[in-house]
PDB file of N, CA and C in Angstrom:
ATOM      1  N   MET A   1     -32.091   6.458  24.370  1.00  0.00           N
ATOM      2  CA  MET A   1     -32.246   6.935  22.658  1.00  0.00           C
ATOM      3  C   MET A   1     -33.234   5.596  22.157  1.00  0.00           C
ATOM      4  N   SER A   2     -33.978   6.079  21.220  1.00  0.00           N
ATOM      5  CA  SER A   2     -34.700   5.532  19.984  1.00  0.00           C
ATOM      6  C   SER A   2     -34.112   4.348  19.268  1.00  0.00           C
ATOM      7  N   ASP A   3     -34.563   3.887  19.099  1.00  0.00           N
ATOM      8  CA  ASP A   3     -33.907   2.864  17.875  1.00  0.00           C
ATOM      9  C   ASP A   3     -33.408   3.353  16.474  1.00  0.00           C
ATOM     10  N   ASN A   4     -34.149   4.123  15.698  1.00  0.00           N
ATOM     11  CA  ASN A   4     -34.242   4.843  14.815  1.00  0.00           C
ATOM     12  C   ASN A   4     -32.849   5.487  14.758  1.00  0.00           C
ATOM     13  N   THR A   5     -32.392   6.708  16.234  1.00  0.00           N
ATOM     14  CA  THR A   5     -31.605   6.796  16.284  1.00  0.00           C
ATOM     15  C   THR A   5     -30.391   6.267  16.865  1.00  0.00           C
ATOM     16  N   ASN A   6     -30.317   4.971  17.566  1.00  0.00           N
ATOM     17  CA  ASN A   6     -29.025   4.212  17.373  1.00  0.00           C
ATOM     18  C   ASN A   6     -28.645   3.512  16.016  1.00  0.00           C
ATOM     19  N   VAL A   7     -29.709   3.643  14.847  1.00  0.00           N
ATOM     20  CA  VAL A   7     -29.427   2.631  13.746  1.00  0.00           C
ATOM     21  C   VAL A   7     -28.515   4.471  13.054  1.00  0.00           C
ATOM     22  N   ILE A   8     -28.784   5.578  13.035  1.00  0.00           N
ATOM     23  CA  ILE A   8     -28.588   6.414  11.851  1.00  0.00           C
ATOM     24  C   ILE A   8     -27.816   6.694  12.706  1.00  0.00           C
ATOM     25  N   LEU A   9     -26.959   6.574  14.115  1.00  0.00           N
ATOM     26  CA  LEU A   9     -26.080   6.832  14.886  1.00  0.00           C
ATOM     27  C   LEU A   9     -25.230   5.764  14.005  1.00  0.00           C
ATOM     28  N   LYS A  10     -25.401   4.556  14.304  1.00  0.00           N
ATOM     29  CA  LYS A  10     -24.251   3.412  13.563  1.00  0.00           C
ATOM     30  C   LYS A  10     -24.074   3.447  12.459  1.00  0.00           C
ATOM     31  N   LYS A  11     -24.884   4.027  11.200  1.00  0.00           N
ATOM     32  CA  LYS A  11     -24.259   4.146  10.273  1.00  0.00           C
ATOM     33  C   LYS A  11     -23.517   5.035  10.048  1.00  0.00           C
ATOM     34  N   TYR A  12     -23.500   6.680  10.695  1.00  0.00           N
ATOM     35  CA  TYR A  12     -22.753   7.660  10.507  1.00  0.00           C
ATOM     36  C   TYR A  12     -21.147   7.314  11.045  1.00  0.00           C
ATOM     37  N   LEU A  13     -21.751   6.102  11.869  1.00  0.00           N
ATOM     38  CA  LEU A  13     -20.041   5.655  12.697  1.00  0.00           C
ATOM     39  C   LEU A  13     -19.167   5.243  11.544  1.00  0.00           C
ATOM     40  N   GLN A  14     -20.240   4.340  11.254  1.00  0.00           N
ATOM     41  CA  GLN A  14     -19.571   3.246  10.267  1.00  0.00           C
ATOM     42  C   GLN A  14     -19.157   3.534   8.845  1.00  0.00           C
ATOM     43  N   ASP A  15     -19.886   4.891   8.141  1.00  0.00           N
ATOM     44  CA  ASP A  15     -18.938   5.819   7.211  1.00  0.00           C
ATOM     45  C   ASP A  15     -17.880   6.329   7.616  1.00  0.00           C
ATOM     46  N   LEU A  16     -17.669   6.950   9.004  1.00  0.00           N
ATOM     47  CA  LEU A  16     -16.513   7.764   9.407  1.00  0.00           C
ATOM     48  C   LEU A  16     -15.921   6.602   9.527  1.00  0.00           C
ATOM     49  N   ILE A  17     -15.754   5.784  10.232  1.00  0.00           N
ATOM     50  CA  ILE A  17     -14.653   4.882  10.009  1.00  0.00           C
ATOM     51  C   ILE A  17     -14.081   4.278   8.200  1.00  0.00           C
ATOM     52  N   LEU A  18     -14.748   3.974   7.497  1.00  0.00           N
ATOM     53  CA  LEU A  18     -14.515   3.746   6.198  1.00  0.00           C
ATOM     54  C   LEU A  18     -13.495   5.344   5.862  1.00  0.00           C
ATOM     55  N   GLU A  19     -14.022   6.393   6.086  1.00  0.00           N
ATOM     56  CA  GLU A  19     -13.122   7.533   5.802  1.00  0.00           C
ATOM     57  C   GLU A  19     -12.227   7.922   6.119  1.00  0.00           C
ATOM     58  N   LEU A  20     -12.373   7.580   7.485  1.00  0.00           N
ATOM     59  CA  LEU A  20     -10.970   7.365   8.120  1.00  0.00           C
ATOM     60  C   LEU A  20      -9.696   6.324   7.667  1.00  0.00           C
ATOM     61  N   LYS A  21     -10.497   4.920   7.271  1.00  0.00           N
ATOM     62  CA  LYS A  21      -9.520   3.868   6.645  1.00  0.00           C
ATOM     63  C   LYS A  21      -9.325   4.211   4.799  1.00  0.00           C
ATOM     64  N   LYS A  22     -10.065   5.148   4.719  1.00  0.00           N
ATOM     65  CA  LYS A  22      -9.156   5.555   3.482  1.00  0.00           C
ATOM     66  C   LYS A  22      -7.830   6.565   3.431  1.00  0.00           C
ATOM     67  N   LEU A  23      -8.253   7.392   4.504  1.00  0.00           N
ATOM     68  CA  LEU A  23      -7.459   8.438   4.572  1.00  0.00           C
ATOM     69  C   LEU A  23      -6.408   7.840   5.017  1.00  0.00           C
ATOM     70  N   LYS A  24      -6.635   7.025   5.819  1.00  0.00           N
ATOM     71  CA  LYS A  24      -5.016   5.836   5.875  1.00  0.00           C
ATOM     72  C   LYS A  24      -4.240   5.509   4.981  1.00  0.00           C
ATOM     73  N   ALA A  25      -5.163   4.493   4.019  1.00  0.00           N
ATOM     74  CA  ALA A  25      -4.272   4.313   2.893  1.00  0.00           C
ATOM     75  C   ALA A  25      -3.783   5.671   1.891  1.00  0.00           C
ATOM     76  N   ILE A  26      -4.607   6.342   1.954  1.00  0.00           N
ATOM     77  CA  ILE A  26      -3.794   7.781   1.013  1.00  0.00           C
ATOM     78  C   ILE A  26      -2.869   8.295   1.544  1.00  0.00           C
ATOM     79  N   LEU A  27      -2.672   8.144   3.092  1.00  0.00           N
ATOM     80  CA  LEU A  27      -1.494   8.493   3.622  1.00  0.00           C
ATOM     81  C   LEU A  27      -1.097   7.785   3.881  1.00  0.00           C
ATOM     82  N   GLU A  28      -0.509   6.368   3.351  1.00  0.00           N
ATOM     83  CA  GLU A  28       0.274   5.391   3.642  1.00  0.00           C
ATOM     84  C   GLU A  28       1.169   4.834   2.267  1.00  0.00           C
ATOM     85  N   PHE A  29      -0.005   5.735   1.397  1.00  0.00           N
ATOM     86  CA  PHE A  29       0.345   5.587   0.198  1.00  0.00           C
ATOM     87  C   PHE A  29       1.439   6.645  -0.750  1.00  0.00           C
ATOM     88  N   GLU A  30       1.147   7.903  -0.060  1.00  0.00           N
ATOM     89  CA  GLU A  30       2.148   8.707   0.191  1.00  0.00           C
ATOM     90  C   GLU A  30       3.298   9.031   0.618  1.00  0.00           C
ATOM     91  N   ASN A  31       3.626   8.562   1.810  1.00  0.00           N
ATOM     92  CA  ASN A  31       4.094   8.122   2.673  1.00  0.00           C
ATOM     93  C   ASN A  31       5.154   7.428   1.937  1.00  0.00           C
ATOM     94  N   THR A  32       4.919   5.900   1.471  1.00  0.00           N
ATOM     95  CA  THR A  32       5.515   5.267   0.515  1.00  0.00           C
ATOM     96  C   THR A  32       6.418   5.841  -0.529  1.00  0.00           C
ATOM     97  N   LYS A  33       5.426   6.758  -1.131  1.00  0.00           N
ATOM     98  CA  LYS A  33       6.163   7.525  -2.294  1.00  0.00           C
ATOM     99  C   LYS A  33       7.287   8.300  -1.912  1.00  0.00           C
ATOM    100  N   ILE A  34       7.156   9.170  -1.051  1.00  0.00           N
ATOM    101  CA  ILE A  34       8.211  10.400  -0.780  1.00  0.00           C
ATOM    102  C   ILE A  34       9.715   9.468   0.255  1.00  0.00           C
ATOM    103  N   THR A  35       9.153   8.802   0.902  1.00  0.00           N
ATOM    104  CA  THR A  35      10.629   7.869   1.379  1.00  0.00           C
ATOM    105  C   THR A  35      10.926   7.284  -0.187  1.00  0.00           C
ATOM    106  N   GLN A  36      10.841   6.766  -1.429  1.00  0.00           N
ATOM    107  CA  GLN A  36      10.882   6.210  -2.522  1.00  0.00           C
ATOM    108  C   GLN A  36      11.471   7.823  -3.207  1.00  0.00           C
ATOM    109  N   GLY A  37      11.286   8.793  -3.137  1.00  0.00           N
ATOM    110  CA  GLY A  37      11.884   9.653  -3.898  1.00  0.00           C
ATOM    111  C   GLY A  37      13.018   9.726  -3.207  1.00  0.00           C
ATOM    112  N   ILE A  38      12.830  10.207  -1.437  1.00  0.00           N
ATOM    113  CA  ILE A  38      14.102  10.433  -0.735  1.00  0.00           C
ATOM    114  C   ILE A  38      15.301   9.338  -1.568  1.00  0.00           C
ATOM    115  N   ILE A  39      14.552   8.121  -1.313  1.00  0.00           N
ATOM    116  CA  ILE A  39      16.354   7.027  -1.804  1.00  0.00           C
ATOM    117  C   ILE A  39      16.602   7.329  -3.082  1.00  0.00           C
ATOM    118  N   ASP A  40      15.705   7.535  -4.179  1.00  0.00           N
ATOM    119  CA  ASP A  40      15.798   7.962  -5.423  1.00  0.00           C
ATOM    120  C   ASP A  40      17.042   9.402  -5.408  1.00  0.00           C
ATOM    121  N   ILE A  41      16.270  10.509  -4.727  1.00  0.00           N
ATOM    122  CA  ILE A  41      17.293  11.314  -4.455  1.00  0.00           C
ATOM    123  C   ILE A  41      18.889  11.028  -4.141  1.00  0.00           C
ATOM    124  N   LEU A  42      18.712  10.196  -3.015  1.00  0.00           N
ATOM    125  CA  LEU A  42      20.380   9.875  -2.488  1.00  0.00           C
ATOM    126  C   LEU A  42      21.127   9.160  -3.157  1.00  0.00           C
ATOM    127  N   GLU A  43      20.470   8.147  -4.134  1.00  0.00           N
ATOM    128  CA  GLU A  43      20.928   7.580  -5.140  1.00  0.00           C
ATOM    129  C   GLU A  43      21.818   8.584  -6.213  1.00  0.00           C
ATOM    130  N   ILE A  44      21.074   9.528  -6.101  1.00  0.00           N
ATOM    131  CA  ILE A  44      21.753  10.592  -7.647  1.00  0.00           C
ATOM    132  C   ILE A  44      22.703  11.711  -6.727  1.00  0.00           C
ATOM    133  N   THR A  45      22.332  12.426  -5.310  1.00  0.00           N
ATOM    134  CA  THR A  45      22.842  12.977  -4.847  1.00  0.00           C
ATOM    135  C   THR A  45      24.651  12.492  -4.597  1.00  0.00           C
ATOM    136  N   ASN A  46      24.519  11.294  -3.958  1.00  0.00           N
ATOM    137  CA  ASN A  46      25.383  10.394  -2.999  1.00  0.00           C
ATOM    138  C   ASN A  46      25.570   9.022  -3.403  1.00  0.00           C
ATOM    139  N   PRO A  47      26.267   8.806  -4.712  1.00  0.00           N
ATOM    140  CA  PRO A  47      26.390   7.381  -5.073  1.00  0.00           C
ATOM    141  C   PRO A  47      27.680   6.707  -3.976  1.00  0.00           C
ATOM    142  N   LYS A  48      27.832   7.296  -3.449  1.00  0.00           N
ATOM    143  CA  LYS A  48      28.940   6.840  -2.577  1.00  0.00           C
ATOM    144  C   LYS A  48      28.318   5.793  -1.845  1.00  0.00           C
ATOM    145  N   LYS A  49      27.181   6.043  -1.610  1.00  0.00           N
ATOM    146  CA  LYS A  49      26.243   5.523  -0.368  1.00  0.00           C
ATOM    147  C   LYS A  49      25.019   4.411  -0.460  1.00  0.00           C
ATOM    148  N   ARG A  50      25.205   3.798  -2.483  1.00  0.00           N
ATOM    149  CA  ARG A  50      24.493   3.372  -2.446  1.00  0.00           C
ATOM    150  C   ARG A  50      24.371   1.854  -1.872  1.00  0.00           C
ATOM    151  N   SER A  51      25.532   1.153  -0.697  1.00  0.00           N
ATOM    152  CA  SER A  51      25.035   0.248  -0.170  1.00  0.00           C
ATOM    153  C   SER A  51      23.843   0.298   1.162  1.00  0.00           C
ATOM    154  N   ASN A  52      23.839   2.104   1.325  1.00  0.00           N
ATOM    155  CA  ASN A  52      22.432   2.675   2.570  1.00  0.00           C
ATOM    156  C   ASN A  52      21.745   2.716   1.730  1.00  0.00           C
ATOM    157  N   CYS A  53      21.643   3.145   0.532  1.00  0.00           N
ATOM    158  CA  CYS A  53      20.137   3.454  -0.087  1.00  0.00           C
ATOM    159  C   CYS A  53      19.498   2.143  -0.433  1.00  0.00           C
ATOM    160  N   LYS A  54      20.598   0.814  -0.657  1.00  0.00           N
ATOM    161  CA  LYS A  54      19.808  -1.043  -0.579  1.00  0.00           C
ATOM    162  C   LYS A  54      19.209  -0.881   0.907  1.00  0.00           C
ATOM    163  N   PHE A  55      19.821  -0.263   1.821  1.00  0.00           N
ATOM    164  CA  PHE A  55      19.493  -0.944   3.160  1.00  0.00           C
ATOM    165  C   PHE A  55      18.640   0.084   3.243  1.00  0.00           C
ATOM    166  N   ASN A  56      17.698   1.295   3.088  1.00  0.00           N
ATOM    167  CA  ASN A  56      17.302   2.034   3.178  1.00  0.00           C
ATOM    168  C   ASN A  56      15.660   1.623   2.265  1.00  0.00           C
ATOM    169  N   GLN A  57      16.136   0.794   0.645  1.00  0.00           N
ATOM    170  CA  GLN A  57      14.820   0.019   0.306  1.00  0.00           C
ATOM    171  C   GLN A  57      14.752  -0.688   0.900  1.00  0.00           C
ATOM    172  N   GLN A  58      15.635  -2.335   1.803  1.00  0.00           N
ATOM    173  CA  GLN A  58      15.195  -2.887   2.278  1.00  0.00           C
ATOM    174  C   GLN A  58      13.739  -2.616   3.450  1.00  0.00           C
ATOM    175  N   LEU A  59      14.296  -1.661   4.219  1.00  0.00           N
ATOM    176  CA  LEU A  59      13.236  -1.007   5.370  1.00  0.00           C
ATOM    177  C   LEU A  59      12.365  -0.385   5.079  1.00  0.00           C
ATOM    178  N   LEU A  60      11.895  -0.087   3.318  1.00  0.00           N
ATOM    179  CA  LEU A  60      10.739   0.792   2.351  1.00  0.00           C
ATOM    180  C   LEU A  60       9.656  -0.621   2.520  1.00  0.00           C
ATOM    181  N   TYR A  61      10.680  -1.658   2.052  1.00  0.00           N
ATOM    182  CA  TYR A  61      10.219  -3.122   1.588  1.00  0.00           C
ATOM    183  C   TYR A  61       9.706  -3.464   3.161  1.00  0.00           C
ATOM    184  N   ASN A  62      10.530  -3.691   3.926  1.00  0.00           N
ATOM    185  CA  ASN A  62       9.668  -3.812   4.975  1.00  0.00           C
ATOM    186  C   ASN A  62       8.494  -3.254   5.901  1.00  0.00           C
ATOM    187  N   HIS A  63       8.984  -2.078   5.187  1.00  0.00           N
ATOM    188  CA  HIS A  63       7.433  -1.454   5.644  1.00  0.00           C
ATOM    189  C   HIS A  63       5.685  -1.460   4.342  1.00  0.00           C
ATOM    190  N   LYS A  64       6.462  -1.957   3.626  1.00  0.00           N
ATOM    191  CA  LYS A  64       5.263  -2.119   2.766  1.00  0.00           C
ATOM    192  C   LYS A  64       4.237  -3.291   3.114  1.00  0.00           C
ATOM    193  N   PHE A  65       5.186  -4.389   3.650  1.00  0.00           N
ATOM    194  CA  PHE A  65       5.029  -5.754   4.184  1.00  0.00           C
ATOM    195  C   PHE A  65       4.286  -5.442   5.538  1.00  0.00           C
ATOM    196  N   MET A  66       4.557  -4.289   6.176  1.00  0.00           N
ATOM    197  CA  MET A  66       4.026  -4.728   7.516  1.00  0.00           C
ATOM    198  C   MET A  66       2.610  -3.627   7.056  1.00  0.00           C
ATOM    199  N   VAL A  67       2.712  -2.881   6.356  1.00  0.00           N
ATOM    200  CA  VAL A  67       1.344  -2.390   6.057  1.00  0.00           C
ATOM    201  C   VAL A  67       0.373  -2.904   6.059  1.00  0.00           C
ATOM    202  N   LYS A  68       1.145  -4.178   4.709  1.00  0.00           N
ATOM    203  CA  LYS A  68       0.219  -5.170   3.905  1.00  0.00           C
ATOM    204  C   LYS A  68      -0.615  -5.988   5.192  1.00  0.00           C
ATOM    205  N   ASN A  69       0.256  -6.206   5.815  1.00  0.00           N
ATOM    206  CA  ASN A  69      -0.572  -7.399   7.352  1.00  0.00           C
ATOM    207  C   ASN A  69      -1.290  -6.404   8.428  1.00  0.00           C
ATOM    208  N   THR A  70      -0.974  -5.298   8.407  1.00  0.00           N
ATOM    209  CA  THR A  70      -1.811  -4.973   9.206  1.00  0.00           C
ATOM    210  C   THR A  70      -3.318  -4.503   8.970  1.00  0.00           C
ATOM    211  N   ARG A  71      -3.360  -4.201   7.244  1.00  0.00           N
ATOM    212  CA  ARG A  71      -4.377  -3.749   6.403  1.00  0.00           C
ATOM    213  C   ARG A  71      -5.367  -5.339   6.614  1.00  0.00           C
ATOM    214  N   THR A  72      -4.693  -6.279   6.640  1.00  0.00           N
ATOM    215  CA  THR A  72      -5.147  -7.926   6.308  1.00  0.00           C
ATOM    216  C   THR A  72      -5.739  -7.925   7.931  1.00  0.00           C
ATOM    217  N   ASN A  73      -5.072  -7.998   8.723  1.00  0.00           N
ATOM    218  CA  ASN A  73      -5.485  -8.037  10.367  1.00  0.00           C
ATOM    219  C   ASN A  73      -6.612  -7.551  10.543  1.00  0.00           C
ATOM    220  N   THR A  74      -6.864  -6.193   9.987  1.00  0.00           N
ATOM    221  CA  THR A  74      -7.737  -5.256  10.090  1.00  0.00           C
ATOM    222  C   THR A  74      -9.225  -5.390   9.518  1.00  0.00           C
ATOM    223  N   ARG A  75      -8.814  -6.524   8.179  1.00  0.00           N
ATOM    224  CA  ARG A  75     -10.152  -7.023   7.501  1.00  0.00           C
ATOM    225  C   ARG A  75     -10.577  -7.543   8.236  1.00  0.00           C
ATOM    226  N   ARG A  76      -9.912  -8.976   8.954  1.00  0.00           N
ATOM    227  CA  ARG A  76     -10.042 -10.195   9.292  1.00  0.00           C
ATOM    228  C   ARG A  76     -11.788  -9.368  11.202  1.00  0.00           C
ATOM    229  N   ASN A  77     -10.911  -8.011  11.510  1.00  0.00           N
ATOM    230  CA  ASN A  77     -11.704  -7.960  13.024  1.00  0.00           C
ATOM    231  C   ASN A  77     -13.194  -7.638  12.635  1.00  0.00           C
TER     232      ASN A  77
END
């Protein structure tokens, strides 16, 4: 392949990777919102299990922390 073709392909792949990262961020955000919504519903519909809901909130916090660290680690690469 010519150098020009390689440059075009490299730019296309960089743009594709950027779009995939944006999509991943959107999906992670939506997943977090849905999970929080489920926890909120459980707190309303099943108040006896509040301790379980607090556990789920801790899981949600841990998930956010892991996602944040994953993003930081990917940016370093």
